[in-house]
Amino acid sequence: MPTLGELAALVHGRVQGDPSIQIQNAATVRWAQPGDITLVENERYLKQLVSSNASACVIPEDLAAHPCLDRPAIVVGQCLEAFERIVAHLRPLPRSEFAGISPHAWIHPDARLGPNVTVYPGAWLDTGVQVGSGTVIHSGCRILAGTRIGRDCVLFPNVVVYEGTRIGDRVVIHANAVIGAYGFGYALRDGAYCRCPQVGYVEIQDDVEIGAATTIDRGTFDATVIGQGTKIDNQVMIAHNCHIGRHNLLCSQVGIAGSCATGDYVIMAGQVGVRDHVQIGSGVRLGAQAGVASDIPDGACYFGSPARPEREERQILGSMAKIPEMRKQLKRLDRLVQQLLQHTGLQDEHSGEARSDAA
């Protein structure tokens, strides 16, 4: 069981308090128990630390002298990275020792695999598949004909990759994702819906991560593109012909209809929905459950359904919250108008107008 001082040395931090206390586990502030070390990124978590059972914490330099800090701490510049390293040290994830090509995988004779590739039992690699060095393909993956996968990628169990997909280097695809399925495009002919051509492909650029059960459809004639460094959460749907820019963050249950494009560094929070043929500029932020029906310029922040600029939507929501009180005020004003009309003797003369106004 390491001491606080040993953990501080591991992350190149300094100890504030007793370095000899023993740390048995790591946990968040809310769930930490005696013997645990926790993470305090900012002042909000520091206030929660007061009621936490944690024995020690990892904090940034700017909180080291805070009066609320009441227990030993590791002070470090990059506290999130330091805590991540401490968690990995205290609770290392079990890793499979399997490496190489399993004899229980089915690999087409003309598939080409680079050095140090690992293919687990039950994987299927079809004709013309190319896999770069250091890539790991887990059990149940089905890699269809003509797919090209780069170096140092990881495809977790049951990933399905359709024909002709191009995957760059250092791409991670989590379990049950489907890459390159036919796009949802149909035309009505002679009273029946017939599938439009779906003969394009999917291009996933370097350093992309794709979450579990996410689906990315192939292009109609050209490519559906996922830009370099983009991170996609679980259960995201990206339709045919979309071009997702570099370093986008797409959170859970985002749905993007066909032929949309995003710039770089776009953030879409959970359950954002984007209609087809929409262009979203670079640096755009879309709040949770935003419904996007038209183009959005660079750097804008939209939310709501339909999505509106942040300031406008906040004004609308603020006004809606006041509707019950405004309704009461309107009733009071209506009664005052009726009393005024009666007091001035105008009620009978203008009764029709009064009734009309009251309505």
Protein backbone atom coordinates (compact mmCIF):
# COMPACT_ATOMS: atom_id res chain seq x y z
CA MET A 1 0.00 0.00 0.00
CA PRO A 2 1.75 3.23 -1.12
CA THR A 3 2.17 6.31 1.04
CA LEU A 4 1.08 9.80 0.06
CA GLY A 5 4.73 10.72 -0.40
CA GLU A 6 5.29 7.84 -2.82
CA LEU A 7 2.26 8.86 -4.88
CA ALA A 8 3.50 12.45 -4.94
CA ALA A 9 6.83 11.24 -6.32
CA LEU A 10 4.97 9.22 -8.96
CA VAL A 11 3.26 12.36 -10.34
CA HIS A 12 6.10 14.80 -9.62
CA GLY A 13 4.04 16.74 -7.09
CA ARG A 14 4.76 17.97 -3.57
CA VAL A 15 3.11 16.85 -0.35
CA GLN A 16 1.31 19.31 1.87
CA GLY A 17 0.75 17.57 5.20
CA ASP A 18 1.76 14.12 6.40
CA PRO A 19 3.55 12.19 3.62
CA SER A 20 3.50 8.90 5.56
CA ILE A 21 -0.26 8.24 5.47
CA GLN A 22 -1.12 5.14 3.50
CA ILE A 23 -3.45 5.30 0.50
CA GLN A 24 -5.37 2.19 -0.51
CA ASN A 25 -7.68 3.48 -3.23
CA ALA A 26 -8.82 6.51 -5.25
CA ALA A 27 -12.37 7.83 -5.54
CA THR A 28 -14.34 10.97 -6.33
CA VAL A 29 -15.09 13.43 -3.53
CA ARG A 30 -18.65 12.20 -2.97
CA TRP A 31 -17.83 8.50 -2.71
CA ALA A 32 -14.36 8.55 -1.11
CA GLN A 33 -13.83 6.54 2.08
CA PRO A 34 -11.09 6.64 4.75
CA GLY A 35 -7.85 5.54 3.12
CA ASP A 36 -8.86 6.99 -0.27
CA ILE A 37 -7.32 9.86 -2.18
CA THR A 38 -9.63 12.13 -4.17
CA LEU A 39 -9.42 14.82 -6.83
CA VAL A 40 -10.16 18.49 -6.14
CA GLU A 41 -9.97 20.35 -9.45
CA ASN A 42 -11.51 23.64 -8.36
CA GLU A 43 -13.05 25.54 -5.46
CA ARG A 44 -16.46 23.92 -5.92
CA TYR A 45 -15.00 20.48 -5.16
CA LEU A 46 -12.92 21.93 -2.36
CA LYS A 47 -16.13 22.93 -0.56
CA GLN A 48 -17.40 19.36 -0.96
CA LEU A 49 -14.15 18.05 0.48
CA VAL A 50 -15.14 19.40 3.91
CA SER A 51 -17.83 16.70 4.24
CA SER A 52 -15.88 13.98 2.38
CA ASN A 53 -14.32 10.94 4.09
CA ALA A 54 -11.23 11.06 1.88
CA SER A 55 -7.89 10.83 3.68
CA ALA A 56 -6.06 13.01 1.15
CA CYS A 57 -6.55 14.84 -2.12
CA VAL A 58 -4.84 15.98 -5.30
CA ILE A 59 -5.12 19.74 -5.83
CA PRO A 60 -3.76 22.40 -8.21
CA GLU A 61 -1.26 25.01 -7.07
CA ASP A 62 -3.83 27.81 -6.80
CA LEU A 63 -5.77 25.93 -4.08
CA ALA A 64 -2.81 24.94 -1.92
CA ALA A 65 -3.29 27.85 0.52
CA HIS A 66 -7.11 27.82 0.54
CA PRO A 67 -8.62 27.99 4.07
CA CYS A 68 -11.05 25.14 3.30
CA LEU A 69 -8.22 22.67 2.71
CA ASP A 70 -8.34 20.59 5.88
CA ARG A 71 -6.34 17.44 5.07
CA PRO A 72 -3.10 16.27 3.45
CA ALA A 73 -2.73 16.94 -0.25
CA ILE A 74 -0.56 16.37 -3.29
CA VAL A 75 -0.06 19.73 -4.96
CA VAL A 76 0.65 19.45 -8.68
CA GLY A 77 0.36 21.59 -11.79
CA GLN A 78 -1.82 19.26 -13.88
CA CYS A 79 -4.02 17.73 -11.21
CA LEU A 80 -6.38 15.83 -13.55
CA GLU A 81 -3.53 14.08 -15.32
CA ALA A 82 -1.86 13.37 -11.97
CA PHE A 83 -5.02 11.85 -10.51
CA GLU A 84 -5.51 9.71 -13.61
CA ARG A 85 -2.01 8.34 -13.15
CA ILE A 86 -2.62 7.67 -9.46
CA VAL A 87 -5.86 5.80 -10.23
CA ALA A 88 -4.05 3.67 -12.83
CA HIS A 89 -1.34 2.91 -10.25
CA LEU A 90 -3.79 1.97 -7.47
CA ARG A 91 -6.32 0.15 -9.66
CA PRO A 92 -4.58 -1.11 -12.79
CA LEU A 93 -6.99 -2.44 -15.39
CA PRO A 94 -6.53 -6.13 -16.17
CA ARG A 95 -5.02 -6.54 -19.60
CA SER A 96 -5.19 -9.55 -21.84
CA GLU A 97 -1.81 -11.10 -22.48
CA PHE A 98 -2.96 -12.51 -25.81
CA ALA A 99 -0.99 -11.26 -28.81
CA GLY A 100 -0.57 -12.39 -32.38
CA ILE A 101 -3.01 -13.93 -34.83
CA SER A 102 -5.41 -16.45 -33.35
CA PRO A 103 -5.85 -19.64 -35.37
CA HIS A 104 -9.53 -19.32 -34.54
CA ALA A 105 -9.85 -16.04 -36.47
CA TRP A 106 -10.90 -16.23 -40.13
CA ILE A 107 -8.56 -14.20 -42.32
CA HIS A 108 -8.82 -14.22 -46.11
CA PRO A 109 -5.61 -15.41 -47.78
CA ASP A 110 -5.11 -12.10 -49.59
CA ALA A 111 -5.63 -9.90 -46.50
CA ARG A 112 -2.44 -8.05 -45.61
CA LEU A 113 -1.50 -7.60 -41.94
CA GLY A 114 1.43 -5.51 -40.75
CA PRO A 115 3.86 -6.49 -37.99
CA ASN A 116 2.67 -6.86 -34.39
CA VAL A 117 -1.01 -7.05 -35.35
CA THR A 118 -3.26 -8.88 -32.88
CA VAL A 119 -6.42 -10.61 -34.10
CA TYR A 120 -8.51 -12.33 -31.42
CA PRO A 121 -10.46 -15.57 -31.86
CA GLY A 122 -13.69 -15.21 -33.78
CA ALA A 123 -12.72 -12.12 -35.77
CA TRP A 124 -13.36 -12.14 -39.53
CA LEU A 125 -11.20 -10.30 -42.07
CA ASP A 126 -12.45 -10.45 -45.65
CA THR A 127 -10.71 -10.21 -49.00
CA GLY A 128 -8.51 -7.20 -49.65
CA VAL A 129 -8.40 -6.06 -46.02
CA GLN A 130 -5.24 -4.19 -44.99
CA VAL A 131 -4.26 -3.72 -41.34
CA GLY A 132 -1.37 -1.54 -40.16
CA SER A 133 1.25 -2.48 -37.58
CA GLY A 134 0.32 -2.67 -33.92
CA THR A 135 -3.45 -2.73 -34.50
CA VAL A 136 -5.66 -4.90 -32.27
CA ILE A 137 -8.88 -6.49 -33.57
CA HIS A 138 -11.01 -8.12 -30.89
CA SER A 139 -13.33 -11.12 -31.06
CA GLY A 140 -16.51 -10.81 -33.06
CA CYS A 141 -15.26 -8.00 -35.31
CA ARG A 142 -16.31 -8.34 -38.94
CA ILE A 143 -14.09 -6.43 -41.36
CA LEU A 144 -15.58 -6.57 -44.84
CA ALA A 145 -13.81 -6.54 -48.18
CA GLY A 146 -11.39 -3.79 -49.16
CA THR A 147 -11.22 -2.09 -45.76
CA ARG A 148 -7.98 -0.32 -44.88
CA ILE A 149 -7.06 0.10 -41.20
CA GLY A 150 -4.02 2.11 -40.12
CA ARG A 151 -1.40 1.64 -37.41
CA ASP A 152 -1.99 1.24 -33.66
CA CYS A 153 -5.78 1.11 -33.88
CA VAL A 154 -8.06 -0.80 -31.51
CA LEU A 155 -11.36 -2.32 -32.61
CA PHE A 156 -13.24 -3.68 -29.61
CA PRO A 157 -15.57 -6.71 -29.75
CA ASN A 158 -18.31 -6.95 -32.36
CA VAL A 159 -17.38 -3.89 -34.38
CA VAL A 160 -18.67 -4.20 -37.95
CA VAL A 161 -16.83 -2.38 -40.72
CA TYR A 162 -18.47 -2.44 -44.16
CA GLU A 163 -16.71 -2.66 -47.52
CA GLY A 164 -14.18 -0.06 -48.58
CA THR A 165 -13.93 1.79 -45.27
CA ARG A 166 -10.71 3.75 -44.70
CA ILE A 167 -9.50 4.07 -41.12
CA GLY A 168 -6.46 6.14 -40.19
CA ASP A 169 -3.84 5.66 -37.48
CA ARG A 170 -4.49 5.43 -33.72
CA VAL A 171 -8.25 5.12 -34.14
CA VAL A 172 -10.28 3.51 -31.34
CA ILE A 173 -13.69 2.01 -32.14
CA HIS A 174 -15.67 0.68 -29.20
CA ALA A 175 -17.90 -2.38 -29.05
CA ASN A 176 -20.85 -2.85 -31.39
CA ALA A 177 -20.17 0.23 -33.52
CA VAL A 178 -21.18 -0.10 -37.18
CA ILE A 179 -19.10 1.76 -39.75
CA GLY A 180 -20.20 2.05 -43.36
CA ALA A 181 -23.78 0.76 -43.34
CA TYR A 182 -26.02 1.93 -46.17
CA GLY A 183 -27.37 5.44 -45.82
CA PHE A 184 -31.12 5.95 -45.36
CA GLY A 185 -31.88 7.18 -48.86
CA TYR A 186 -34.95 6.04 -50.80
CA ALA A 187 -36.92 7.25 -53.82
CA LEU A 188 -40.59 6.52 -54.53
CA ARG A 189 -40.88 4.66 -57.82
CA ASP A 190 -44.04 2.99 -59.12
CA GLY A 191 -45.64 3.17 -55.69
CA ALA A 192 -42.74 1.61 -53.79
CA TYR A 193 -39.69 2.98 -52.02
CA CYS A 194 -36.47 1.93 -53.72
CA ARG A 195 -33.01 2.38 -52.24
CA CYS A 196 -30.92 5.12 -53.81
CA PRO A 197 -27.32 4.24 -54.66
CA GLN A 198 -25.11 3.72 -51.59
CA VAL A 199 -21.79 3.07 -53.25
CA GLY A 200 -19.58 5.52 -51.36
CA TYR A 201 -17.50 4.76 -48.29
CA VAL A 202 -16.49 6.05 -44.84
CA GLU A 203 -13.18 7.77 -44.15
CA ILE A 204 -12.08 8.00 -40.51
CA GLN A 205 -9.00 10.14 -40.08
CA ASP A 206 -6.20 9.80 -37.53
CA ASP A 207 -6.74 9.87 -33.74
CA VAL A 208 -10.53 9.51 -33.86
CA GLU A 209 -12.39 7.68 -31.09
CA ILE A 210 -15.84 6.22 -31.75
CA GLY A 211 -18.14 5.17 -28.91
CA ALA A 212 -20.05 1.95 -28.37
CA ALA A 213 -23.10 1.28 -30.57
CA THR A 214 -22.40 4.35 -32.71
CA THR A 215 -23.31 4.16 -36.40
CA ILE A 216 -21.68 6.01 -39.29
CA ASP A 217 -23.25 5.50 -42.73
CA ARG A 218 -21.33 5.31 -45.99
CA GLY A 219 -21.63 8.07 -48.57
CA THR A 220 -24.01 7.83 -51.49
CA PHE A 221 -21.28 8.20 -54.12
CA ASP A 222 -18.37 9.78 -52.24
CA ALA A 223 -17.19 9.64 -48.61
CA THR A 224 -18.69 10.24 -45.22
CA VAL A 225 -15.72 11.81 -43.42
CA ILE A 226 -14.83 11.96 -39.72
CA GLY A 227 -12.08 14.53 -39.23
CA GLN A 228 -8.79 14.09 -37.40
CA GLY A 229 -8.95 14.01 -33.61
CA THR A 230 -12.75 13.97 -33.37
CA LYS A 231 -14.20 12.13 -30.37
CA ILE A 232 -17.64 10.52 -30.70
CA ASP A 233 -19.60 9.27 -27.70
CA ASN A 234 -21.83 6.18 -27.44
CA GLN A 235 -25.01 5.78 -29.49
CA VAL A 236 -24.34 8.59 -31.95
CA MET A 237 -25.82 8.45 -35.47
CA ILE A 238 -24.01 10.11 -38.39
CA ALA A 239 -25.81 9.75 -41.71
CA HIS A 240 -24.51 9.44 -45.27
CA ASN A 241 -22.40 12.16 -46.92
CA CYS A 242 -21.68 14.03 -43.68
CA HIS A 243 -18.32 15.75 -43.30
CA ILE A 244 -17.40 16.10 -39.62
CA GLY A 245 -14.50 18.49 -39.03
CA ARG A 246 -11.36 18.08 -36.96
CA HIS A 247 -11.43 17.78 -33.16
CA ASN A 248 -15.22 17.78 -32.81
CA LEU A 249 -16.84 16.45 -29.62
CA LEU A 250 -20.14 14.67 -30.24
CA CYS A 251 -21.83 13.57 -27.03
CA SER A 252 -24.22 10.68 -26.46
CA GLN A 253 -27.27 10.24 -28.70
CA VAL A 254 -26.40 13.02 -31.13
CA GLY A 255 -28.14 12.45 -34.46
CA ILE A 256 -26.88 14.12 -37.65
CA ALA A 257 -28.91 13.72 -40.83
CA GLY A 258 -27.46 13.33 -44.30
CA SER A 259 -25.12 15.73 -46.09
CA CYS A 260 -24.34 17.91 -43.08
CA ALA A 261 -20.93 19.46 -42.51
CA THR A 262 -19.24 20.80 -39.40
CA GLY A 263 -16.14 22.93 -38.99
CA ASP A 264 -13.35 22.27 -36.53
CA TYR A 265 -13.70 22.17 -32.72
CA VAL A 266 -17.50 21.88 -32.74
CA ILE A 267 -19.15 20.64 -29.54
CA MET A 268 -22.56 18.97 -29.60
CA ALA A 269 -24.02 18.09 -26.20
CA GLY A 270 -26.27 15.08 -25.58
CA GLN A 271 -29.24 14.42 -27.87
CA VAL A 272 -28.54 17.24 -30.31
CA GLY A 273 -30.44 16.67 -33.55
CA VAL A 274 -29.34 18.17 -36.88
CA ARG A 275 -31.53 18.11 -40.00
CA ASP A 276 -30.10 17.30 -43.41
CA HIS A 277 -27.90 19.64 -45.49
CA VAL A 278 -27.01 21.92 -42.56
CA GLN A 279 -23.62 23.65 -42.39
CA ILE A 280 -22.23 24.22 -38.86
CA GLY A 281 -19.26 26.54 -38.52
CA SER A 282 -16.03 26.06 -36.61
CA GLY A 283 -16.05 26.53 -32.85
CA VAL A 284 -19.84 26.19 -32.57
CA ARG A 285 -21.33 24.92 -29.30
CA LEU A 286 -24.76 23.27 -29.29
CA GLY A 287 -26.55 22.73 -26.00
CA ALA A 288 -28.22 19.48 -24.97
CA GLN A 289 -31.31 18.54 -27.03
CA ALA A 290 -30.78 21.42 -29.45
CA GLY A 291 -32.77 20.96 -32.65
CA VAL A 292 -30.75 22.44 -35.52
CA ALA A 293 -32.69 23.21 -38.69
CA SER A 294 -30.54 25.87 -40.39
CA ASP A 295 -26.91 26.84 -40.86
CA ILE A 296 -24.94 28.17 -37.87
CA PRO A 297 -22.02 30.61 -38.23
CA ASP A 298 -18.53 30.17 -36.77
CA GLY A 299 -18.15 30.52 -33.03
CA ALA A 300 -21.87 30.68 -32.20
CA CYS A 301 -23.51 29.08 -29.18
CA TYR A 302 -27.03 27.76 -29.79
CA PHE A 303 -29.48 25.75 -27.76
CA GLY A 304 -33.19 25.00 -27.59
CA SER A 305 -35.52 23.37 -30.09
CA PRO A 306 -35.62 24.89 -32.59
CA ALA A 307 -32.05 25.94 -31.82
CA ARG A 308 -31.55 29.69 -31.38
CA PRO A 309 -28.59 31.86 -30.37
CA GLU A 310 -27.89 31.48 -26.67
CA ARG A 311 -28.85 35.05 -25.70
CA GLU A 312 -32.14 34.91 -27.62
CA GLU A 313 -33.09 31.51 -26.21
CA ARG A 314 -32.32 32.63 -22.66
CA GLN A 315 -34.59 35.64 -23.13
CA ILE A 316 -37.38 33.38 -24.40
CA LEU A 317 -36.98 30.94 -21.53
CA GLY A 318 -36.90 33.83 -19.05
CA SER A 319 -40.11 35.24 -20.51
CA MET A 320 -41.83 31.85 -20.46
CA ALA A 321 -41.03 31.50 -16.78
CA LYS A 322 -42.88 34.76 -16.14
CA ILE A 323 -46.05 33.77 -18.02
CA PRO A 324 -48.03 32.63 -14.92
CA GLU A 325 -47.35 35.94 -13.14
CA MET A 326 -48.06 37.92 -16.33
CA ARG A 327 -51.40 36.10 -16.63
CA LYS A 328 -52.31 37.14 -13.07
CA GLN A 329 -51.31 40.74 -13.85
CA LEU A 330 -53.47 40.72 -16.97
CA LYS A 331 -56.50 39.55 -14.97
CA ARG A 332 -55.90 42.28 -12.38
CA LEU A 333 -55.65 44.91 -15.12
CA ASP A 334 -58.83 43.61 -16.72
CA ARG A 335 -60.71 43.99 -13.42
CA LEU A 336 -59.35 47.52 -12.98
CA VAL A 337 -60.49 48.45 -16.48
CA GLN A 338 -63.99 47.13 -15.75
CA GLN A 339 -64.14 49.07 -12.48
CA LEU A 340 -62.95 52.24 -14.24
CA LEU A 341 -65.59 51.89 -16.93
CA GLN A 342 -68.31 51.42 -14.34
CA HIS A 343 -67.07 54.38 -12.27
CA THR A 344 -67.10 56.74 -15.27
CA GLY A 345 -70.49 55.55 -16.50
CA LEU A 346 -69.07 54.27 -19.73
CA GLN A 347 -69.86 50.64 -19.06
CA ASP A 348 -73.32 50.70 -20.69
CA GLU A 349 -72.34 53.04 -23.49
CA HIS A 350 -69.31 50.99 -24.46
CA SER A 351 -70.37 47.63 -23.12
CA GLY A 352 -69.73 45.94 -26.43
CA GLU A 353 -66.25 47.39 -26.67
CA ALA A 354 -65.55 46.57 -23.03
CA ARG A 355 -66.63 43.00 -23.49
CA SER A 356 -64.52 42.76 -26.63
CA ASP A 357 -61.45 44.18 -24.88
CA ALA A 358 -61.94 41.90 -21.89
CA ALA A 359 -62.09 38.90 -24.19
